[in-house]
C-alpha cells in the first residue's frame, strides 16, 4: 500500500469525524510517513511501519467522544426535502415511542449488567467481613469458651476468608470483562455512525 492509498483509506474510515479533526489526523500520518521515508525506508515500508488504516481508525474512533461523532454526522446530513419532513412528523407517533423504548431497553440491560457486577463485589465484601469477624470472635472465645467452639469459629472464618479471596479474583475478572464489553458496545455505536450512506 502506498501513501496515497493509506491516506484515502484513513480518510474514508474517519468520515464520521469533523473534517478539521480528520484533516489533522491525515496531516499527522502523512508527516509520519514522510519522516520514515527520509530515514531511508521505501514508501511501502514506511506505510507498513505506521500500521494498518483499519487499526488506526478503530483506535481513533475509540478515543473520539460519541457526541462529536453524532454532531458531525448530523451536520453532514443533506438538506431535508419537504416530503421527508412531513413523513418524519406524521410518523413520529410510531417511531418516537419505538426509539425511546429501544433506548430504555439498552440502558436497562447496561444497568443490569453492572448491577450484577456490583452484587458480586457486595458478596465478596460480606464474605471478607464475616470471615474476619468469625476469626476475631474465635480468638476472643479462647478465654471464654471451650476449645471446640473456638476451633469451629476460626475454621468457619478461614473458610469464608478463602471464599473471599476466590471471589476477589472472580469479581476482578467480571469487572474487567464488563468494562471491555461496554467499550466494545460504545465502539460499535461509533462505527454505526461512521458508515457511509449508500444511494
N, C-alpha and C. Protein backbone atom coordinates (compact mmCIF):
# COMPACT_ATOMS: atom_id res chain seq x y z
N UNK A 1 0.86 -1.18 0.00
CA UNK A 1 0.00 0.00 0.00
C UNK A 1 0.90 1.24 0.00
N UNK A 2 0.61 2.16 -0.90
CA UNK A 2 1.40 3.39 -0.94
C UNK A 2 0.75 4.46 -0.06
N UNK A 3 1.41 5.61 0.00
CA UNK A 3 0.97 6.67 0.92
C UNK A 3 -0.42 7.18 0.57
N UNK A 4 -0.70 7.42 -0.71
CA UNK A 4 -2.00 7.97 -1.10
C UNK A 4 -3.12 6.98 -0.81
N UNK A 5 -2.88 5.69 -1.03
CA UNK A 5 -3.90 4.68 -0.73
C UNK A 5 -4.15 4.62 0.78
N UNK A 6 -3.07 4.70 1.55
CA UNK A 6 -3.19 4.69 3.00
C UNK A 6 -4.01 5.87 3.49
N UNK A 7 -3.69 7.07 3.01
CA UNK A 7 -4.40 8.27 3.44
C UNK A 7 -5.86 8.26 2.99
N UNK A 8 -6.12 7.70 1.81
CA UNK A 8 -7.50 7.60 1.33
C UNK A 8 -8.31 6.65 2.22
N UNK A 9 -7.72 5.50 2.57
CA UNK A 9 -8.40 4.55 3.45
C UNK A 9 -8.64 5.18 4.82
N UNK A 10 -7.67 5.93 5.30
CA UNK A 10 -7.81 6.60 6.59
C UNK A 10 -8.91 7.65 6.54
N UNK A 11 -8.97 8.43 5.46
CA UNK A 11 -10.00 9.46 5.32
C UNK A 11 -11.39 8.83 5.26
N UNK A 12 -11.53 7.71 4.54
CA UNK A 12 -12.83 7.04 4.47
C UNK A 12 -13.26 6.51 5.83
N UNK A 13 -12.31 5.96 6.59
CA UNK A 13 -12.64 5.43 7.91
C UNK A 13 -12.99 6.50 8.92
N UNK A 14 -12.44 7.69 8.74
CA UNK A 14 -12.69 8.79 9.68
C UNK A 14 -13.75 9.75 9.18
N UNK A 15 -14.58 9.31 8.23
CA UNK A 15 -15.60 10.19 7.64
C UNK A 15 -16.61 10.69 8.66
N UNK A 16 -16.78 9.98 9.77
CA UNK A 16 -17.76 10.40 10.77
C UNK A 16 -17.25 11.52 11.68
N UNK A 17 -15.95 11.76 11.66
CA UNK A 17 -15.39 12.85 12.47
C UNK A 17 -15.53 14.17 11.74
N UNK A 18 -15.50 15.29 12.46
CA UNK A 18 -15.49 16.60 11.78
C UNK A 18 -14.29 16.71 10.84
N UNK A 19 -14.46 17.43 9.74
CA UNK A 19 -13.41 17.49 8.73
C UNK A 19 -12.10 18.02 9.30
N UNK A 20 -12.17 18.98 10.23
CA UNK A 20 -10.95 19.55 10.81
C UNK A 20 -10.15 18.46 11.54
N UNK A 21 -10.86 17.60 12.29
CA UNK A 21 -10.18 16.52 13.01
C UNK A 21 -9.58 15.51 12.04
N UNK A 22 -10.35 15.18 11.01
CA UNK A 22 -9.86 14.22 10.01
C UNK A 22 -8.63 14.78 9.30
N UNK A 23 -8.69 16.05 8.93
CA UNK A 23 -7.56 16.68 8.24
C UNK A 23 -6.32 16.70 9.13
N UNK A 24 -6.52 16.97 10.43
CA UNK A 24 -5.40 16.98 11.36
C UNK A 24 -4.75 15.60 11.45
N UNK A 25 -5.58 14.55 11.52
CA UNK A 25 -5.05 13.18 11.59
C UNK A 25 -4.33 12.80 10.29
N UNK A 26 -4.90 13.19 9.15
CA UNK A 26 -4.28 12.89 7.86
C UNK A 26 -2.92 13.57 7.74
N UNK A 27 -2.84 14.83 8.16
CA UNK A 27 -1.55 15.55 8.12
C UNK A 27 -0.53 14.88 9.04
N UNK A 28 -0.99 14.45 10.21
CA UNK A 28 -0.09 13.80 11.16
C UNK A 28 0.50 12.52 10.57
N UNK A 29 -0.35 11.67 10.01
CA UNK A 29 0.15 10.41 9.45
C UNK A 29 0.93 10.62 8.17
N UNK A 30 0.59 11.65 7.41
CA UNK A 30 1.35 11.97 6.21
C UNK A 30 2.78 12.38 6.58
N UNK A 31 2.91 13.23 7.61
CA UNK A 31 4.23 13.63 8.07
C UNK A 31 5.01 12.44 8.64
N UNK A 32 4.30 11.56 9.33
CA UNK A 32 4.96 10.39 9.91
C UNK A 32 5.54 9.50 8.79
N UNK A 33 4.78 9.32 7.74
CA UNK A 33 5.26 8.51 6.61
C UNK A 33 6.44 9.20 5.94
N UNK A 34 6.34 10.52 5.75
CA UNK A 34 7.43 11.28 5.13
C UNK A 34 8.72 11.18 5.96
N UNK A 35 8.56 11.24 7.29
CA UNK A 35 9.74 11.13 8.16
C UNK A 35 10.41 9.77 8.00
N UNK A 36 9.61 8.74 7.89
CA UNK A 36 10.20 7.39 7.74
C UNK A 36 10.84 7.20 6.37
N UNK A 37 10.30 7.86 5.37
CA UNK A 37 10.91 7.79 4.04
C UNK A 37 12.26 8.50 4.07
N UNK A 38 12.31 9.65 4.79
CA UNK A 38 13.57 10.38 4.92
C UNK A 38 14.62 9.56 5.68
N UNK A 39 14.16 8.66 6.56
CA UNK A 39 15.09 7.80 7.30
C UNK A 39 15.63 6.66 6.45
N UNK A 40 15.13 6.52 5.21
CA UNK A 40 15.68 5.51 4.31
C UNK A 40 14.74 4.38 3.95
N UNK A 41 13.52 4.39 4.48
CA UNK A 41 12.56 3.34 4.12
C UNK A 41 11.91 3.65 2.79
N UNK A 42 11.47 2.62 2.09
CA UNK A 42 10.69 2.85 0.87
C UNK A 42 9.29 3.31 1.29
N UNK A 43 8.52 3.80 0.33
CA UNK A 43 7.18 4.30 0.64
C UNK A 43 6.30 3.20 1.23
N UNK A 44 6.36 1.99 0.62
CA UNK A 44 5.55 0.88 1.11
C UNK A 44 5.99 0.44 2.52
N UNK A 45 7.30 0.43 2.77
CA UNK A 45 7.80 0.06 4.09
C UNK A 45 7.40 1.10 5.13
N UNK A 46 7.46 2.37 4.74
CA UNK A 46 7.08 3.45 5.67
C UNK A 46 5.60 3.35 6.04
N UNK A 47 4.77 3.05 5.04
CA UNK A 47 3.33 2.90 5.29
C UNK A 47 3.08 1.69 6.19
N UNK A 48 3.78 0.59 5.90
CA UNK A 48 3.60 -0.63 6.71
C UNK A 48 4.05 -0.40 8.15
N UNK A 49 5.09 0.42 8.34
CA UNK A 49 5.60 0.69 9.69
C UNK A 49 4.62 1.51 10.52
N UNK A 50 3.81 2.33 9.85
CA UNK A 50 2.84 3.15 10.56
C UNK A 50 1.71 2.30 11.13
N UNK A 51 1.32 1.26 10.40
CA UNK A 51 0.24 0.38 10.85
C UNK A 51 -0.88 0.33 9.82
N UNK A 52 -1.84 -0.54 10.07
CA UNK A 52 -2.94 -0.67 9.11
C UNK A 52 -3.97 0.44 9.35
N UNK A 53 -4.57 0.94 8.27
CA UNK A 53 -5.57 2.00 8.43
C UNK A 53 -6.75 1.56 9.31
N UNK A 54 -7.12 0.28 9.20
CA UNK A 54 -8.26 -0.21 9.99
C UNK A 54 -7.97 -0.12 11.49
N UNK A 55 -6.77 -0.53 11.91
CA UNK A 55 -6.42 -0.45 13.32
C UNK A 55 -6.35 0.99 13.80
N UNK A 56 -5.80 1.85 12.97
CA UNK A 56 -5.69 3.27 13.34
C UNK A 56 -7.07 3.89 13.46
N UNK A 57 -7.96 3.59 12.51
CA UNK A 57 -9.33 4.12 12.55
C UNK A 57 -10.04 3.64 13.80
N UNK A 58 -9.91 2.34 14.12
CA UNK A 58 -10.55 1.80 15.33
C UNK A 58 -10.06 2.52 16.58
N UNK A 59 -8.77 2.76 16.66
CA UNK A 59 -8.22 3.44 17.83
C UNK A 59 -8.69 4.89 17.91
N UNK A 60 -8.68 5.59 16.77
CA UNK A 60 -9.10 6.99 16.77
C UNK A 60 -10.59 7.12 17.09
N UNK A 61 -11.41 6.20 16.57
CA UNK A 61 -12.84 6.24 16.87
C UNK A 61 -13.09 5.91 18.34
N UNK A 62 -12.31 5.00 18.89
CA UNK A 62 -12.47 4.65 20.30
C UNK A 62 -12.12 5.84 21.19
N UNK A 63 -11.15 6.65 20.77
CA UNK A 63 -10.74 7.81 21.56
C UNK A 63 -11.65 9.02 21.38
N UNK A 64 -12.37 9.08 20.25
CA UNK A 64 -13.21 10.24 19.96
C UNK A 64 -14.49 10.19 20.79
N UNK A 65 -14.93 11.33 21.33
CA UNK A 65 -16.20 11.34 22.08
C UNK A 65 -17.38 11.04 21.16
N UNK A 66 -18.34 10.29 21.69
CA UNK A 66 -19.52 9.92 20.90
C UNK A 66 -20.30 11.15 20.46
N UNK A 67 -20.36 12.18 21.32
CA UNK A 67 -21.11 13.39 20.96
C UNK A 67 -20.50 14.08 19.74
N UNK A 68 -19.18 14.06 19.63
CA UNK A 68 -18.53 14.67 18.47
C UNK A 68 -18.91 13.94 17.19
N UNK A 69 -18.94 12.62 17.24
CA UNK A 69 -19.28 11.82 16.06
C UNK A 69 -20.72 12.06 15.65
N UNK A 70 -21.64 12.10 16.64
CA UNK A 70 -23.06 12.31 16.33
C UNK A 70 -23.28 13.69 15.74
N UNK A 71 -22.66 14.71 16.35
CA UNK A 71 -22.82 16.08 15.82
C UNK A 71 -22.29 16.18 14.40
N UNK A 72 -21.16 15.57 14.14
CA UNK A 72 -20.58 15.61 12.81
C UNK A 72 -21.47 14.91 11.80
N UNK A 73 -22.02 13.78 12.20
CA UNK A 73 -22.89 13.02 11.29
C UNK A 73 -24.15 13.81 10.98
N UNK A 74 -24.71 14.48 11.98
CA UNK A 74 -25.92 15.27 11.77
C UNK A 74 -25.62 16.46 10.87
N UNK A 75 -24.48 17.11 11.07
CA UNK A 75 -24.14 18.28 10.25
C UNK A 75 -23.82 17.89 8.81
N UNK A 76 -23.41 16.62 8.58
CA UNK A 76 -23.12 16.17 7.22
C UNK A 76 -24.40 15.80 6.46
N UNK A 77 -25.51 15.69 7.17
CA UNK A 77 -26.76 15.26 6.56
C UNK A 77 -27.17 16.26 5.50
N UNK A 78 -27.62 15.72 4.39
CA UNK A 78 -28.09 16.59 3.30
C UNK A 78 -29.32 17.35 3.75
N UNK A 79 -29.68 18.37 3.01
CA UNK A 79 -30.87 19.14 3.37
C UNK A 79 -32.12 18.28 3.18
N UNK A 80 -33.06 18.51 4.06
CA UNK A 80 -34.29 17.72 4.05
C UNK A 80 -35.25 18.26 3.00
N UNK A 81 -35.90 17.35 2.33
CA UNK A 81 -36.96 17.73 1.38
C UNK A 81 -38.27 17.87 2.15
N UNK A 82 -39.23 18.57 1.59
CA UNK A 82 -40.50 18.82 2.28
C UNK A 82 -41.23 17.52 2.59
N UNK A 83 -41.26 16.58 1.64
CA UNK A 83 -41.98 15.33 1.89
C UNK A 83 -41.30 14.48 2.96
N UNK A 84 -39.97 14.60 3.07
CA UNK A 84 -39.27 13.87 4.13
C UNK A 84 -39.64 14.43 5.51
N UNK A 85 -39.73 15.74 5.60
CA UNK A 85 -40.11 16.36 6.87
C UNK A 85 -41.54 15.99 7.24
N UNK A 86 -42.44 15.99 6.25
CA UNK A 86 -43.85 15.63 6.51
C UNK A 86 -43.93 14.18 7.00
N UNK A 87 -43.24 13.26 6.31
CA UNK A 87 -43.25 11.86 6.73
C UNK A 87 -42.65 11.69 8.13
N UNK A 88 -41.61 12.44 8.42
CA UNK A 88 -40.98 12.37 9.74
C UNK A 88 -41.95 12.81 10.83
N UNK A 89 -42.66 13.92 10.59
CA UNK A 89 -43.61 14.43 11.58
C UNK A 89 -44.80 13.49 11.72
N UNK A 90 -45.36 13.03 10.59
CA UNK A 90 -46.52 12.14 10.65
C UNK A 90 -46.18 10.78 11.25
N UNK A 91 -44.97 10.32 11.03
CA UNK A 91 -44.57 9.02 11.57
C UNK A 91 -44.07 9.07 12.99
N UNK A 92 -43.91 10.27 13.56
CA UNK A 92 -43.36 10.40 14.91
C UNK A 92 -44.18 9.67 15.99
N UNK A 93 -45.52 9.56 15.88
CA UNK A 93 -46.23 8.77 16.90
C UNK A 93 -45.83 7.29 16.89
N UNK A 94 -45.24 6.83 15.80
CA UNK A 94 -44.81 5.43 15.73
C UNK A 94 -43.33 5.31 16.07
N UNK A 95 -42.46 6.08 15.37
CA UNK A 95 -41.03 5.87 15.54
C UNK A 95 -40.47 6.44 16.84
N UNK A 96 -41.07 7.52 17.35
CA UNK A 96 -40.55 8.11 18.58
C UNK A 96 -40.71 7.18 19.79
N UNK A 97 -41.91 6.61 20.03
CA UNK A 97 -42.00 5.66 21.16
C UNK A 97 -41.12 4.42 20.97
N UNK A 98 -40.98 3.95 19.72
CA UNK A 98 -40.12 2.80 19.48
C UNK A 98 -38.66 3.14 19.77
N UNK A 99 -38.25 4.33 19.38
CA UNK A 99 -36.88 4.77 19.65
C UNK A 99 -36.64 4.91 21.15
N UNK A 100 -37.60 5.49 21.86
CA UNK A 100 -37.46 5.64 23.31
C UNK A 100 -37.45 4.28 24.00
N UNK A 101 -38.29 3.35 23.52
CA UNK A 101 -38.32 2.01 24.11
C UNK A 101 -36.99 1.29 23.88
N UNK A 102 -36.44 1.42 22.68
CA UNK A 102 -35.15 0.78 22.38
C UNK A 102 -34.05 1.36 23.27
N UNK A 103 -34.05 2.69 23.44
CA UNK A 103 -33.05 3.32 24.30
C UNK A 103 -33.22 2.87 25.74
N UNK A 104 -34.47 2.74 26.20
CA UNK A 104 -34.72 2.29 27.58
C UNK A 104 -34.27 0.85 27.77
N UNK A 105 -34.49 0.00 26.78
CA UNK A 105 -34.07 -1.40 26.88
C UNK A 105 -32.55 -1.50 26.94
N UNK A 106 -31.87 -0.75 26.06
CA UNK A 106 -30.40 -0.77 26.05
C UNK A 106 -29.86 -0.26 27.39
N UNK A 107 -30.43 0.82 27.90
CA UNK A 107 -29.98 1.37 29.18
C UNK A 107 -30.24 0.38 30.32
N UNK A 108 -31.40 -0.27 30.32
CA UNK A 108 -31.72 -1.21 31.40
C UNK A 108 -30.80 -2.44 31.35
N UNK A 109 -30.47 -2.92 30.16
CA UNK A 109 -29.53 -4.04 30.05
C UNK A 109 -28.16 -3.63 30.58
N UNK A 110 -27.71 -2.45 30.21
CA UNK A 110 -26.42 -1.94 30.66
C UNK A 110 -26.38 -1.82 32.19
N UNK A 111 -27.45 -1.23 32.77
CA UNK A 111 -27.51 -1.07 34.22
C UNK A 111 -27.59 -2.43 34.91
N UNK A 112 -28.34 -3.37 34.34
CA UNK A 112 -28.47 -4.70 34.93
C UNK A 112 -27.13 -5.42 34.96
N UNK A 113 -26.37 -5.33 33.88
CA UNK A 113 -25.06 -5.98 33.84
C UNK A 113 -24.15 -5.42 34.94
N UNK A 114 -24.13 -4.09 35.08
CA UNK A 114 -23.28 -3.50 36.12
C UNK A 114 -23.83 -3.80 37.51
N UNK A 115 -25.16 -3.96 37.65
CA UNK A 115 -25.74 -4.32 38.95
C UNK A 115 -25.28 -5.72 39.37
N UNK A 116 -25.16 -6.63 38.40
CA UNK A 116 -24.65 -7.97 38.70
C UNK A 116 -23.21 -7.89 39.19
N UNK A 117 -22.41 -7.08 38.53
CA UNK A 117 -21.01 -6.91 38.95
C UNK A 117 -20.95 -6.35 40.37
N UNK A 118 -21.76 -5.33 40.65
CA UNK A 118 -21.78 -4.74 41.99
C UNK A 118 -22.25 -5.75 43.03
N UNK A 119 -23.20 -6.60 42.67
CA UNK A 119 -23.68 -7.65 43.59
C UNK A 119 -22.56 -8.62 43.94
N UNK A 120 -21.76 -9.00 42.95
CA UNK A 120 -20.64 -9.89 43.24
C UNK A 120 -19.64 -9.23 44.18
N UNK A 121 -19.36 -7.94 43.99
CA UNK A 121 -18.46 -7.23 44.89
C UNK A 121 -19.05 -7.16 46.30
N UNK A 122 -20.38 -7.01 46.40
CA UNK A 122 -21.02 -6.97 47.71
C UNK A 122 -20.89 -8.33 48.41
N UNK A 123 -21.02 -9.41 47.65
CA UNK A 123 -20.84 -10.75 48.23
C UNK A 123 -19.40 -10.92 48.71
N UNK A 124 -18.45 -10.44 47.90
CA UNK A 124 -17.03 -10.52 48.32
C UNK A 124 -16.81 -9.78 49.63
N UNK A 125 -17.34 -8.56 49.75
CA UNK A 125 -17.15 -7.77 50.97
C UNK A 125 -17.80 -8.48 52.17
N UNK A 126 -18.99 -9.05 51.96
CA UNK A 126 -19.66 -9.73 53.08
C UNK A 126 -18.89 -10.98 53.51
N UNK A 127 -18.35 -11.75 52.54
CA UNK A 127 -17.53 -12.91 52.89
C UNK A 127 -16.30 -12.48 53.68
N UNK A 128 -15.62 -11.43 53.21
CA UNK A 128 -14.40 -10.97 53.89
C UNK A 128 -14.72 -10.46 55.29
N UNK A 129 -15.79 -9.66 55.41
CA UNK A 129 -16.14 -9.10 56.72
C UNK A 129 -16.57 -10.19 57.70
N UNK A 130 -17.40 -11.13 57.23
CA UNK A 130 -17.85 -12.23 58.11
C UNK A 130 -16.68 -13.13 58.49
N UNK A 131 -15.81 -13.42 57.54
CA UNK A 131 -14.64 -14.25 57.85
C UNK A 131 -13.76 -13.62 58.90
N UNK A 132 -13.49 -12.32 58.73
CA UNK A 132 -12.67 -11.61 59.70
C UNK A 132 -13.35 -11.57 61.07
N UNK A 133 -14.66 -11.32 61.09
CA UNK A 133 -15.39 -11.28 62.35
C UNK A 133 -15.37 -12.63 63.06
N UNK A 134 -15.54 -13.72 62.31
CA UNK A 134 -15.53 -15.05 62.92
C UNK A 134 -14.14 -15.40 63.47
N UNK A 135 -13.10 -15.04 62.72
CA UNK A 135 -11.73 -15.32 63.21
C UNK A 135 -11.46 -14.54 64.50
N UNK A 136 -11.83 -13.25 64.52
CA UNK A 136 -11.61 -12.45 65.72
C UNK A 136 -12.46 -12.95 66.89
N UNK A 137 -13.70 -13.37 66.61
CA UNK A 137 -14.56 -13.92 67.66
C UNK A 137 -13.98 -15.22 68.19
N UNK A 138 -13.44 -16.05 67.27
CA UNK A 138 -12.82 -17.30 67.70
C UNK A 138 -11.62 -17.07 68.58
N UNK A 139 -10.82 -16.07 68.23
CA UNK A 139 -9.65 -15.75 69.06
C UNK A 139 -10.09 -15.25 70.43
N UNK A 140 -11.14 -14.41 70.43
CA UNK A 140 -11.63 -13.88 71.71
C UNK A 140 -12.27 -14.99 72.55
N UNK A 141 -12.84 -16.00 71.89
CA UNK A 141 -13.53 -17.07 72.64
C UNK A 141 -12.56 -18.04 73.31
N UNK A 142 -11.29 -17.92 73.02
CA UNK A 142 -10.30 -18.78 73.68
C UNK A 142 -10.40 -18.62 75.20
N UNK A 143 -10.67 -17.41 75.63
CA UNK A 143 -10.70 -17.12 77.06
C UNK A 143 -12.07 -17.39 77.69
N UNK A 144 -13.13 -17.47 76.85
CA UNK A 144 -14.48 -17.55 77.42
C UNK A 144 -15.20 -18.86 77.10
N UNK A 145 -14.78 -19.63 76.09
CA UNK A 145 -15.49 -20.83 75.68
C UNK A 145 -14.55 -22.02 75.66
N UNK A 146 -15.14 -23.17 75.31
CA UNK A 146 -14.30 -24.35 75.20
C UNK A 146 -13.58 -24.36 73.86
N UNK A 147 -12.66 -25.23 73.71
CA UNK A 147 -11.78 -25.29 72.54
C UNK A 147 -12.52 -25.63 71.26
N UNK A 148 -13.61 -26.41 71.38
CA UNK A 148 -14.35 -26.82 70.18
C UNK A 148 -15.08 -25.63 69.53
N UNK A 149 -15.62 -24.76 70.35
CA UNK A 149 -16.28 -23.55 69.84
C UNK A 149 -15.24 -22.65 69.18
N UNK A 150 -14.10 -22.52 69.78
CA UNK A 150 -13.02 -21.69 69.23
C UNK A 150 -12.56 -22.23 67.88
N UNK A 151 -12.34 -23.54 67.80
CA UNK A 151 -11.90 -24.15 66.54
C UNK A 151 -12.97 -23.98 65.46
N UNK A 152 -14.23 -24.17 65.85
CA UNK A 152 -15.33 -24.03 64.87
C UNK A 152 -15.41 -22.60 64.33
N UNK A 153 -15.31 -21.62 65.22
CA UNK A 153 -15.39 -20.22 64.80
C UNK A 153 -14.22 -19.85 63.88
N UNK A 154 -13.02 -20.21 64.30
CA UNK A 154 -11.85 -19.88 63.47
C UNK A 154 -11.89 -20.65 62.16
N UNK A 155 -12.32 -21.90 62.18
CA UNK A 155 -12.43 -22.69 60.94
C UNK A 155 -13.42 -22.09 59.96
N UNK A 156 -14.60 -21.71 60.47
CA UNK A 156 -15.60 -21.07 59.59
C UNK A 156 -15.09 -19.74 59.06
N UNK A 157 -14.37 -19.01 59.92
CA UNK A 157 -13.80 -17.73 59.47
C UNK A 157 -12.78 -17.92 58.37
N UNK A 158 -11.94 -18.95 58.50
CA UNK A 158 -10.94 -19.21 57.46
C UNK A 158 -11.60 -19.67 56.15
N UNK A 159 -12.68 -20.46 56.26
CA UNK A 159 -13.41 -20.88 55.04
C UNK A 159 -13.98 -19.65 54.32
N UNK A 160 -14.60 -18.75 55.09
CA UNK A 160 -15.16 -17.54 54.48
C UNK A 160 -14.05 -16.64 53.91
N UNK A 161 -12.92 -16.56 54.61
CA UNK A 161 -11.80 -15.75 54.11
C UNK A 161 -11.27 -16.34 52.81
N UNK A 162 -11.17 -17.67 52.74
CA UNK A 162 -10.75 -18.32 51.49
C UNK A 162 -11.74 -18.07 50.37
N UNK A 163 -13.04 -18.13 50.69
CA UNK A 163 -14.06 -17.81 49.69
C UNK A 163 -13.96 -16.37 49.22
N UNK A 164 -13.62 -15.46 50.14
CA UNK A 164 -13.47 -14.05 49.77
C UNK A 164 -12.29 -13.86 48.82
N UNK A 165 -11.20 -14.57 49.07
CA UNK A 165 -10.04 -14.47 48.17
C UNK A 165 -10.41 -14.97 46.78
N UNK A 166 -11.12 -16.10 46.71
CA UNK A 166 -11.56 -16.63 45.41
C UNK A 166 -12.51 -15.64 44.74
N UNK A 167 -13.47 -15.10 45.51
CA UNK A 167 -14.43 -14.15 44.93
C UNK A 167 -13.76 -12.87 44.45
N UNK A 168 -12.67 -12.46 45.10
CA UNK A 168 -11.97 -11.25 44.66
C UNK A 168 -11.51 -11.40 43.20
N UNK A 169 -10.92 -12.55 42.89
CA UNK A 169 -10.44 -12.76 41.52
C UNK A 169 -11.59 -12.88 40.53
N UNK A 170 -12.68 -13.52 40.96
CA UNK A 170 -13.87 -13.62 40.11
C UNK A 170 -14.44 -12.22 39.84
N UNK A 171 -14.54 -11.41 40.90
CA UNK A 171 -15.07 -10.05 40.74
C UNK A 171 -14.19 -9.20 39.85
N UNK A 172 -12.88 -9.35 40.01
CA UNK A 172 -11.94 -8.58 39.18
C UNK A 172 -12.11 -8.94 37.71
N UNK A 173 -12.17 -10.25 37.40
CA UNK A 173 -12.36 -10.68 36.01
C UNK A 173 -13.70 -10.22 35.47
N UNK A 174 -14.74 -10.31 36.29
CA UNK A 174 -16.07 -9.89 35.86
C UNK A 174 -16.11 -8.39 35.57
N UNK A 175 -15.45 -7.60 36.41
CA UNK A 175 -15.41 -6.15 36.20
C UNK A 175 -14.65 -5.80 34.93
N UNK A 176 -13.49 -6.43 34.72
CA UNK A 176 -12.71 -6.16 33.51
C UNK A 176 -13.46 -6.59 32.26
N UNK A 177 -14.12 -7.74 32.32
CA UNK A 177 -14.89 -8.22 31.16
C UNK A 177 -16.06 -7.31 30.84
N UNK A 178 -16.74 -6.83 31.88
CA UNK A 178 -17.88 -5.94 31.67
C UNK A 178 -17.41 -4.59 31.12
N UNK A 179 -16.30 -4.09 31.62
CA UNK A 179 -15.76 -2.83 31.09
C UNK A 179 -15.35 -2.99 29.63
N UNK A 180 -14.75 -4.13 29.29
CA UNK A 180 -14.36 -4.39 27.91
C UNK A 180 -15.61 -4.49 27.00
N UNK A 181 -16.66 -5.15 27.51
CA UNK A 181 -17.91 -5.26 26.76
C UNK A 181 -18.53 -3.89 26.53
N UNK A 182 -18.51 -3.05 27.56
CA UNK A 182 -19.06 -1.69 27.42
C UNK A 182 -18.27 -0.90 26.39
N UNK A 183 -16.95 -1.05 26.39
CA UNK A 183 -16.11 -0.34 25.41
C UNK A 183 -16.42 -0.82 23.99
N UNK A 184 -16.63 -2.13 23.83
CA UNK A 184 -16.97 -2.69 22.51
C UNK A 184 -18.32 -2.16 22.04
N UNK A 185 -19.29 -2.06 22.98
CA UNK A 185 -20.61 -1.55 22.62
C UNK A 185 -20.53 -0.10 22.15
N UNK A 186 -19.78 0.72 22.88
CA UNK A 186 -19.64 2.14 22.50
C UNK A 186 -18.93 2.25 21.16
N UNK A 187 -17.90 1.43 20.94
CA UNK A 187 -17.18 1.47 19.67
C UNK A 187 -18.11 1.04 18.53
N UNK A 188 -18.97 0.06 18.78
CA UNK A 188 -19.94 -0.36 17.77
C UNK A 188 -20.91 0.75 17.42
N UNK A 189 -21.36 1.50 18.43
CA UNK A 189 -22.25 2.63 18.18
C UNK A 189 -21.53 3.69 17.36
N UNK A 190 -20.27 3.97 17.71
CA UNK A 190 -19.50 4.96 16.96
C UNK A 190 -19.30 4.52 15.52
N UNK A 191 -19.02 3.22 15.33
CA UNK A 191 -18.82 2.72 13.96
C UNK A 191 -20.10 2.78 13.14
N UNK A 192 -21.26 2.60 13.80
CA UNK A 192 -22.52 2.68 13.06
C UNK A 192 -22.75 4.09 12.53
N UNK A 193 -22.27 5.10 13.26
CA UNK A 193 -22.37 6.47 12.77
C UNK A 193 -21.33 6.77 11.69
N UNK A 194 -20.25 6.00 11.65
CA UNK A 194 -19.19 6.29 10.69
C UNK A 194 -19.42 5.61 9.36
N UNK A 195 -20.41 4.72 9.26
CA UNK A 195 -20.66 4.07 7.98
C UNK A 195 -21.24 5.07 7.00
N UNK A 196 -20.80 4.96 5.76
CA UNK A 196 -21.29 5.86 4.73
C UNK A 196 -22.68 5.45 4.29
N UNK A 197 -23.49 6.43 4.01
CA UNK A 197 -24.81 6.13 3.45
C UNK A 197 -24.66 5.79 1.99
N UNK A 198 -25.37 4.78 1.55
CA UNK A 198 -25.32 4.36 0.16
C UNK A 198 -26.55 4.85 -0.56
N UNK A 199 -26.36 5.16 -1.82
CA UNK A 199 -27.52 5.52 -2.60
C UNK A 199 -27.51 6.92 -3.07
